[in-house]
Amino acid sequence: MSVASAFDRAWSYAEDRSFEGIDPYDALSSPLLAALHRVGGRPFGILATQVLRRMPWDVRPALGIRAAANPKGLALFLSAAARVGSLDVVPRLAGSLRRLSSGGGWGYPFPWRSRAFYLPARTPTIVATAFVGEAFVDAYRATGDHTLLDTAVTACAFLDRLHRTEDATGACLSYSTLDRSAVYNASLLGGRLLVRVGTATGDAELVERARPLVAFALARQTDDGAWAYGDAAHHRWIDSFHTGFVLSALEVWREATGDPDAARAIDRGFRFYADTFFGPEGEPYYFSDRKWPHDVHSAAQAVLTGCQLREAIPGAESLARRAGHDLVERFLCPDGHFRYQIRRTHRVDIPYMRWSQAWAVRALAELTALGIEPR
């Protein structure tokens, strides 16, 4: 199947459902599970979330969990529309995103519990806000509508409200205003937003604000080229798509500044990424230390990372092609939705709008825009 045909099928699936859907992490939007979480606290919240997202069957209707519009998913669809020239849908998606703004930023429509903290529904985070802000930059570049760029500038202002972990190497922004975590990829996504908005507006000061965020992450690259998820003891795992976030963010910084330290880190990081997270046919591993599960988000991010690094790193475009082929051939279902994961013993075909559909559509849009066919 051609990438254009796959894109059209996947886009139609999402548009027919008004870009709304369920999410792997929406367990605590269930009235029942939320009530039990209030009693059982953190251990129950983590257990409920992890069990529900691993199940091969969708029991959400029985739990009272409903489809919802996720700002991060809408942002990915908006970026995809801008990349392929589907400008008729831009006002609708942009309007939806503006209405979903919360506290100067954007967050998920459901409450969620991580190992480190609990975030109520709609709590704005650096990750969701960064993707929304970048989507408005993409839409502005496609349409020339300066009101879209104004919204992206507003997204940058949210970063000033976040906590900072600082030392001699630089600074790391917190995930939300409610925690003080130091998550490398999340902080760098904030930095990437600053660089892209600063470049689009001609504001060199915005670009420069990303420098300590980049320096902090560069100082934490391991000898083999990897990055752990974050500074905390419970954040020491290494996974595929977050590594892709780091590489993509550093490349945006390098392109804007010519930073040679970033260039060297990208080269080492890409070698680790390409050698560690993909099988012989391009199958996308989730973690660095095991071959299962194969994950749709990891495949989609591999496409985006490979496309972004294609001019800087030999082999990057080839990786994007292989990941794109795997994305279409093994994850795209006949009705146009993308399955979530392929595990050692079974497949999880539940259609997750933000995690699976939005990311895959965004990856296919990139391949379409660049005229790259998966193989």
Protein backbone atom coordinates (compact mmCIF):
# COMPACT_ATOMS: atom_id res chain seq x y z
CA MET A 1 0.00 0.00 0.00
CA SER A 2 1.32 3.46 -0.87
CA VAL A 3 1.94 5.93 1.92
CA ALA A 4 -0.70 8.28 0.49
CA SER A 5 -3.35 5.54 0.50
CA ALA A 6 -2.44 4.57 4.06
CA PHE A 7 -2.62 8.20 5.14
CA ASP A 8 -6.05 8.72 3.56
CA ARG A 9 -7.45 5.59 5.20
CA ALA A 10 -6.04 6.48 8.61
CA TRP A 11 -7.08 10.13 8.38
CA SER A 12 -10.65 9.18 7.45
CA TYR A 13 -10.89 6.86 10.43
CA ALA A 14 -9.92 9.69 12.78
CA GLU A 15 -12.00 12.39 11.10
CA ASP A 16 -15.11 10.19 11.05
CA ARG A 17 -14.82 10.05 14.84
CA SER A 18 -14.21 13.80 15.21
CA PHE A 19 -10.62 12.98 16.28
CA GLU A 20 -11.94 11.71 19.63
CA GLY A 21 -11.08 8.40 21.24
CA ILE A 22 -9.87 6.44 24.22
CA ASP A 23 -6.32 6.34 25.57
CA PRO A 24 -4.01 3.73 27.12
CA TYR A 25 -3.72 5.84 30.28
CA ASP A 26 -7.36 6.88 30.86
CA ALA A 27 -8.18 4.30 33.56
CA LEU A 28 -8.85 6.86 36.28
CA SER A 29 -11.53 8.58 34.22
CA SER A 30 -13.70 5.61 35.19
CA PRO A 31 -16.02 6.63 38.07
CA LEU A 32 -15.50 3.20 39.64
CA LEU A 33 -11.71 3.14 39.35
CA ALA A 34 -11.50 6.79 40.44
CA ALA A 35 -13.44 5.95 43.60
CA LEU A 36 -11.21 2.97 44.31
CA HIS A 37 -8.17 5.15 43.67
CA ARG A 38 -9.32 7.56 46.37
CA VAL A 39 -9.34 4.62 48.77
CA GLY A 40 -6.32 2.67 47.51
CA GLY A 41 -4.14 5.65 46.70
CA ARG A 42 -1.00 5.59 44.58
CA PRO A 43 -0.48 1.79 44.40
CA PHE A 44 -4.02 1.22 43.16
CA GLY A 45 -3.81 4.07 40.63
CA ILE A 46 -0.63 2.69 39.11
CA LEU A 47 -1.96 -0.88 39.10
CA ALA A 48 -5.29 0.06 37.50
CA THR A 49 -3.62 2.13 34.80
CA GLN A 50 -1.03 -0.51 33.92
CA VAL A 51 -3.49 -3.42 33.90
CA LEU A 52 -6.00 -1.59 31.69
CA ARG A 53 -3.42 -0.48 29.14
CA ARG A 54 -2.03 -4.02 28.82
CA MET A 55 -5.35 -5.78 28.30
CA PRO A 56 -6.05 -7.17 24.81
CA TRP A 57 -9.78 -6.43 25.23
CA ASP A 58 -11.38 -3.03 25.62
CA VAL A 59 -13.44 -3.05 28.82
CA ARG A 60 -13.74 0.73 29.02
CA PRO A 61 -17.47 0.88 28.15
CA ALA A 62 -18.19 -1.32 31.16
CA LEU A 63 -16.07 0.97 33.34
CA GLY A 64 -17.81 4.15 32.18
CA ILE A 65 -14.82 5.47 30.24
CA ARG A 66 -15.82 7.53 27.21
CA ALA A 67 -14.04 8.78 24.12
CA ALA A 68 -12.65 12.30 24.43
CA ALA A 69 -10.65 14.85 22.48
CA ASN A 70 -7.02 14.85 23.63
CA PRO A 71 -5.13 18.11 22.96
CA LYS A 72 -1.91 16.25 22.20
CA GLY A 73 -3.71 14.06 19.68
CA LEU A 74 -5.45 17.08 18.10
CA ALA A 75 -2.07 18.79 17.86
CA LEU A 76 -0.57 15.86 15.97
CA PHE A 77 -3.54 15.85 13.59
CA LEU A 78 -3.15 19.61 13.09
CA SER A 79 0.57 19.21 12.30
CA ALA A 80 -0.27 16.40 9.88
CA ALA A 81 -2.90 18.49 8.10
CA ALA A 82 -0.45 21.35 7.76
CA ARG A 83 2.25 19.06 6.36
CA VAL A 84 0.04 17.60 3.60
CA GLY A 85 -1.81 20.81 2.75
CA SER A 86 -5.23 19.85 4.13
CA LEU A 87 -5.82 23.43 5.16
CA ASP A 88 -9.62 23.23 5.27
CA VAL A 89 -9.44 21.38 8.59
CA VAL A 90 -6.92 23.76 10.19
CA PRO A 91 -9.48 26.28 11.57
CA ARG A 92 -11.55 23.51 13.13
CA LEU A 93 -8.61 21.80 14.84
CA ALA A 94 -7.07 25.10 15.91
CA GLY A 95 -10.39 26.24 17.37
CA SER A 96 -10.79 23.00 19.29
CA LEU A 97 -7.30 23.31 20.72
CA ARG A 98 -7.85 26.89 21.83
CA ARG A 99 -11.05 25.88 23.63
CA LEU A 100 -9.19 23.08 25.41
CA SER A 101 -6.49 25.37 26.81
CA SER A 102 -6.19 25.11 30.58
CA GLY A 103 -4.12 27.33 32.85
CA GLY A 104 -2.15 28.75 29.95
CA GLY A 105 -1.20 25.33 28.60
CA TRP A 106 -2.67 22.00 27.58
CA GLY A 107 -3.05 18.63 29.29
CA TYR A 108 -4.83 15.31 28.98
CA PRO A 109 -8.63 15.10 29.39
CA PHE A 110 -8.29 12.39 32.04
CA PRO A 111 -6.53 12.19 35.41
CA TRP A 112 -3.48 9.98 35.47
CA ARG A 113 -1.08 8.53 37.97
CA SER A 114 2.60 8.03 37.20
CA ARG A 115 5.27 6.58 39.44
CA ALA A 116 6.25 10.08 40.53
CA PHE A 117 3.04 12.13 40.72
CA TYR A 118 -0.71 12.39 40.15
CA LEU A 119 -2.18 14.90 37.69
CA PRO A 120 -5.90 15.76 37.69
CA ALA A 121 -7.70 15.94 34.36
CA ARG A 122 -6.69 18.88 32.14
CA THR A 123 -3.59 19.69 34.21
CA PRO A 124 -1.29 21.38 31.67
CA THR A 125 2.02 19.64 31.04
CA ILE A 126 5.16 20.59 29.20
CA VAL A 127 4.75 17.70 26.74
CA ALA A 128 1.18 18.37 25.67
CA THR A 129 1.79 22.13 25.56
CA ALA A 130 4.94 21.73 23.48
CA PHE A 131 3.19 19.62 20.85
CA VAL A 132 0.24 22.00 20.72
CA GLY A 133 2.55 24.99 20.36
CA GLU A 134 4.51 23.31 17.59
CA ALA A 135 1.29 22.39 15.80
CA PHE A 136 0.34 26.05 15.72
CA VAL A 137 3.77 26.86 14.26
CA ASP A 138 3.20 24.20 11.58
CA ALA A 139 -0.25 25.61 10.83
CA TYR A 140 1.12 29.14 10.65
CA ARG A 141 3.84 28.11 8.19
CA ALA A 142 1.22 26.40 6.02
CA THR A 143 -1.33 29.23 6.07
CA GLY A 144 0.50 32.45 6.92
CA ASP A 145 -2.16 33.19 9.54
CA HIS A 146 -0.36 35.16 12.28
CA THR A 147 -3.06 34.45 14.86
CA LEU A 148 -1.85 30.84 14.80
CA LEU A 149 1.68 31.98 15.60
CA ASP A 150 0.33 34.15 18.43
CA THR A 151 -1.10 31.01 20.06
CA ALA A 152 2.30 29.32 19.77
CA VAL A 153 3.89 32.28 21.56
CA THR A 154 1.31 31.83 24.34
CA ALA A 155 2.39 28.21 24.68
CA CYS A 156 5.97 29.38 25.28
CA ALA A 157 4.77 31.61 28.11
CA PHE A 158 3.48 28.54 29.95
CA LEU A 159 7.04 27.24 30.29
CA ASP A 160 7.82 30.14 32.66
CA ARG A 161 5.44 28.63 35.22
CA LEU A 162 7.29 25.32 35.45
CA HIS A 163 9.79 24.40 38.15
CA ARG A 164 13.46 24.19 37.22
CA THR A 165 16.13 21.75 38.31
CA GLU A 166 19.41 23.63 37.95
CA ASP A 167 23.07 22.83 38.43
CA ALA A 168 26.40 23.70 36.84
CA THR A 169 25.47 21.87 33.62
CA GLY A 170 22.25 23.74 32.90
CA ALA A 171 18.54 23.43 33.70
CA CYS A 172 15.67 20.98 33.33
CA LEU A 173 12.00 22.02 33.34
CA SER A 174 9.45 20.08 35.36
CA TYR A 175 6.73 18.01 33.73
CA SER A 176 3.93 20.16 35.16
CA THR A 177 3.42 22.93 37.69
CA LEU A 178 2.48 20.27 40.27
CA ASP A 179 5.76 18.35 40.32
CA ARG A 180 9.51 18.93 40.37
CA SER A 181 10.62 16.01 38.23
CA ALA A 182 13.58 16.25 35.86
CA VAL A 183 12.56 14.36 32.71
CA TYR A 184 15.10 14.95 29.95
CA ASN A 185 12.95 14.41 26.89
CA ALA A 186 10.08 16.49 28.29
CA SER A 187 12.34 19.43 29.09
CA LEU A 188 13.90 19.22 25.63
CA LEU A 189 10.45 19.27 24.02
CA GLY A 190 9.96 22.58 25.82
CA GLY A 191 13.31 23.69 24.42
CA ARG A 192 12.31 22.61 20.92
CA LEU A 193 9.14 24.69 21.20
CA LEU A 194 11.18 27.74 22.21
CA VAL A 195 13.52 27.28 19.26
CA ARG A 196 10.77 26.75 16.70
CA VAL A 197 8.69 29.70 17.90
CA GLY A 198 11.77 31.89 18.24
CA THR A 199 12.83 31.01 14.70
CA ALA A 200 9.34 31.65 13.31
CA THR A 201 9.00 35.02 15.05
CA GLY A 202 12.61 36.12 14.66
CA ASP A 203 12.98 36.30 18.44
CA ALA A 204 16.56 35.23 19.13
CA GLU A 205 15.98 35.51 22.89
CA LEU A 206 13.40 32.71 22.76
CA VAL A 207 15.90 30.48 20.97
CA GLU A 208 18.58 31.29 23.52
CA ARG A 209 16.30 30.29 26.39
CA ALA A 210 16.63 26.71 25.20
CA ARG A 211 20.43 26.65 25.69
CA PRO A 212 20.52 25.57 29.38
CA LEU A 213 17.87 22.91 28.68
CA VAL A 214 20.02 21.46 25.91
CA ALA A 215 23.19 21.65 28.01
CA PHE A 216 21.54 19.79 30.89
CA ALA A 217 20.49 16.93 28.61
CA LEU A 218 23.85 16.74 26.82
CA ALA A 219 25.58 16.35 30.17
CA ARG A 220 23.42 13.30 30.90
CA GLN A 221 24.05 11.32 27.73
CA THR A 222 25.59 7.98 28.63
CA ASP A 223 28.88 6.70 27.21
CA ASP A 224 27.03 4.48 24.73
CA GLY A 225 24.95 7.41 23.44
CA ALA A 226 21.69 6.81 25.33
CA TRP A 227 19.52 8.92 27.60
CA ALA A 228 17.55 7.58 30.52
CA TYR A 229 14.02 8.88 30.92
CA GLY A 230 14.96 11.19 33.78
CA ASP A 231 17.04 11.96 36.87
CA ALA A 232 15.04 10.09 39.51
CA ALA A 233 15.89 6.54 40.55
CA HIS A 234 12.55 5.34 39.17
CA HIS A 235 13.22 7.11 35.85
CA ARG A 236 16.30 5.17 34.79
CA TRP A 237 14.74 3.11 31.99
CA ILE A 238 15.60 3.77 28.31
CA ASP A 239 12.91 3.53 25.66
CA SER A 240 12.54 4.12 21.95
CA PHE A 241 10.16 6.98 21.34
CA HIS A 242 11.45 9.16 24.18
CA THR A 243 14.95 8.71 22.75
CA GLY A 244 13.48 9.82 19.43
CA PHE A 245 12.06 12.92 21.13
CA VAL A 246 15.52 13.79 22.46
CA LEU A 247 17.21 13.35 19.08
CA SER A 248 14.55 15.35 17.26
CA ALA A 249 14.70 18.20 19.77
CA LEU A 250 18.50 18.34 19.64
CA GLU A 251 18.41 18.43 15.84
CA VAL A 252 16.07 21.44 15.87
CA TRP A 253 18.53 23.16 18.21
CA ARG A 254 21.52 22.21 16.06
CA GLU A 255 19.87 23.47 12.90
CA ALA A 256 19.12 26.81 14.56
CA THR A 257 22.49 27.33 16.27
CA GLY A 258 25.10 25.09 14.63
CA ASP A 259 26.05 23.81 18.10
CA PRO A 260 28.88 21.26 17.55
CA ASP A 261 28.32 19.61 20.93
CA ALA A 262 24.73 18.89 19.96
CA ALA A 263 25.87 17.55 16.59
CA ARG A 264 28.24 15.08 18.26
CA ALA A 265 25.55 14.00 20.73
CA ILE A 266 23.07 13.45 17.91
CA ASP A 267 25.54 11.30 15.99
CA ARG A 268 26.26 9.11 19.03
CA GLY A 269 22.62 9.04 20.06
CA PHE A 270 21.37 8.04 16.63
CA ARG A 271 23.83 5.15 16.44
CA PHE A 272 22.55 3.86 19.78
CA TYR A 273 18.94 4.41 18.69
CA ALA A 274 19.29 2.62 15.34
CA ASP A 275 21.32 -0.28 16.76
CA THR A 276 19.15 -0.86 19.82
CA PHE A 277 15.47 -0.28 19.12
CA PHE A 278 14.80 -2.03 15.81
CA GLY A 279 14.75 -5.60 14.59
CA PRO A 280 16.04 -6.86 11.22
CA GLU A 281 12.77 -5.97 9.46
CA GLY A 282 12.45 -2.60 11.16
CA GLU A 283 10.16 -3.89 13.91
CA PRO A 284 10.10 -1.25 16.67
CA TYR A 285 11.14 -2.35 20.14
CA TYR A 286 9.73 -0.34 23.06
CA PHE A 287 12.62 -0.73 25.52
CA SER A 288 16.38 -0.90 25.09
CA ASP A 289 16.78 -4.19 26.97
CA ARG A 290 14.03 -6.37 25.45
CA LYS A 291 12.47 -7.15 22.07
CA TRP A 292 8.82 -7.02 23.14
CA PRO A 293 6.43 -5.33 22.82
CA HIS A 294 6.54 -3.82 19.34
CA ASP A 295 4.80 -0.49 19.70
CA VAL A 296 3.02 1.75 17.17
CA HIS A 297 4.22 4.95 18.85
CA SER A 298 7.82 3.73 18.63
CA ALA A 299 7.37 3.01 14.91
CA ALA A 300 5.78 6.40 14.22
CA GLN A 301 8.47 8.29 16.11
CA ALA A 302 11.16 6.35 14.24
CA VAL A 303 9.67 7.65 10.99
CA LEU A 304 9.69 11.22 12.29
CA THR A 305 13.18 11.01 13.78
CA GLY A 306 14.62 9.38 10.66
CA CYS A 307 13.01 11.98 8.40
CA GLN A 308 14.26 14.86 10.51
CA LEU A 309 17.83 13.53 10.61
CA ARG A 310 17.92 12.40 6.98
CA GLU A 311 20.26 15.18 5.82
CA ALA A 312 22.50 15.10 8.88
CA ILE A 313 22.98 11.39 9.57
CA PRO A 314 23.71 8.64 7.00
CA GLY A 315 21.18 5.88 7.33
CA ALA A 316 18.47 8.00 8.97
CA GLU A 317 16.19 8.05 5.94
CA SER A 318 16.62 4.31 5.49
CA LEU A 319 15.49 3.80 9.08
CA ALA A 320 12.44 6.00 8.42
CA ARG A 321 11.55 3.90 5.37
CA ARG A 322 11.81 0.61 7.27
CA ALA A 323 9.81 1.91 10.21
CA GLY A 324 7.22 3.32 7.85
CA HIS A 325 6.88 -0.03 6.12
CA ASP A 326 6.39 -1.76 9.47
CA LEU A 327 3.88 0.90 10.51
CA VAL A 328 1.71 0.30 7.44
CA GLU A 329 2.15 -3.45 7.02
CA ARG A 330 1.87 -4.63 10.62
CA PHE A 331 0.01 -1.93 12.54
CA LEU A 332 -2.58 -0.52 10.10
CA CYS A 333 -5.88 -2.44 10.28
CA PRO A 334 -8.35 -2.78 7.38
CA ASP A 335 -10.80 -0.23 8.80
CA GLY A 336 -8.09 2.44 9.03
CA HIS A 337 -7.22 2.29 12.72
CA PHE A 338 -3.77 1.39 14.02
CA ARG A 339 -3.27 -1.39 16.51
CA TYR A 340 -1.55 -0.42 19.74
CA GLN A 341 1.06 -3.13 20.29
CA ILE A 342 2.27 -6.49 19.07
CA ARG A 343 3.30 -8.48 22.12
CA ARG A 344 5.11 -11.81 22.36
CA THR A 345 1.87 -13.75 22.90
CA HIS A 346 -0.83 -11.57 21.37
CA ARG A 347 -1.73 -8.36 19.59
CA VAL A 348 -3.55 -5.43 21.16
CA ASP A 349 -5.82 -4.06 18.42
CA ILE A 350 -7.65 -1.51 20.58
CA PRO A 351 -7.83 1.80 18.65
CA TYR A 352 -6.22 4.49 20.79
CA MET A 353 -6.74 7.87 19.15
CA ARG A 354 -3.86 9.80 20.71
CA TRP A 355 -1.23 7.10 21.22
CA SER A 356 -1.74 5.14 18.01
CA GLN A 357 -3.83 7.00 15.43
CA ALA A 358 -2.52 10.52 15.86
CA TRP A 359 1.12 9.48 15.95
CA ALA A 360 0.80 7.18 12.95
CA VAL A 361 -1.08 9.81 10.93
CA ARG A 362 1.59 12.38 11.80
CA ALA A 363 4.32 9.98 10.64
CA LEU A 364 2.52 9.18 7.38
CA ALA A 365 2.01 12.89 6.75
CA GLU A 366 5.76 13.44 7.06
CA LEU A 367 6.51 10.67 4.58
CA THR A 368 3.87 12.06 2.22
CA ALA A 369 5.20 15.60 2.42
CA LEU A 370 8.76 14.45 1.70
CA GLY A 371 7.73 12.01 -1.05
CA ILE A 372 9.30 9.05 0.79
CA GLU A 373 7.75 5.63 0.22
CA PRO A 374 8.24 3.02 2.97
CA ARG A 375 10.07 -0.17 2.07
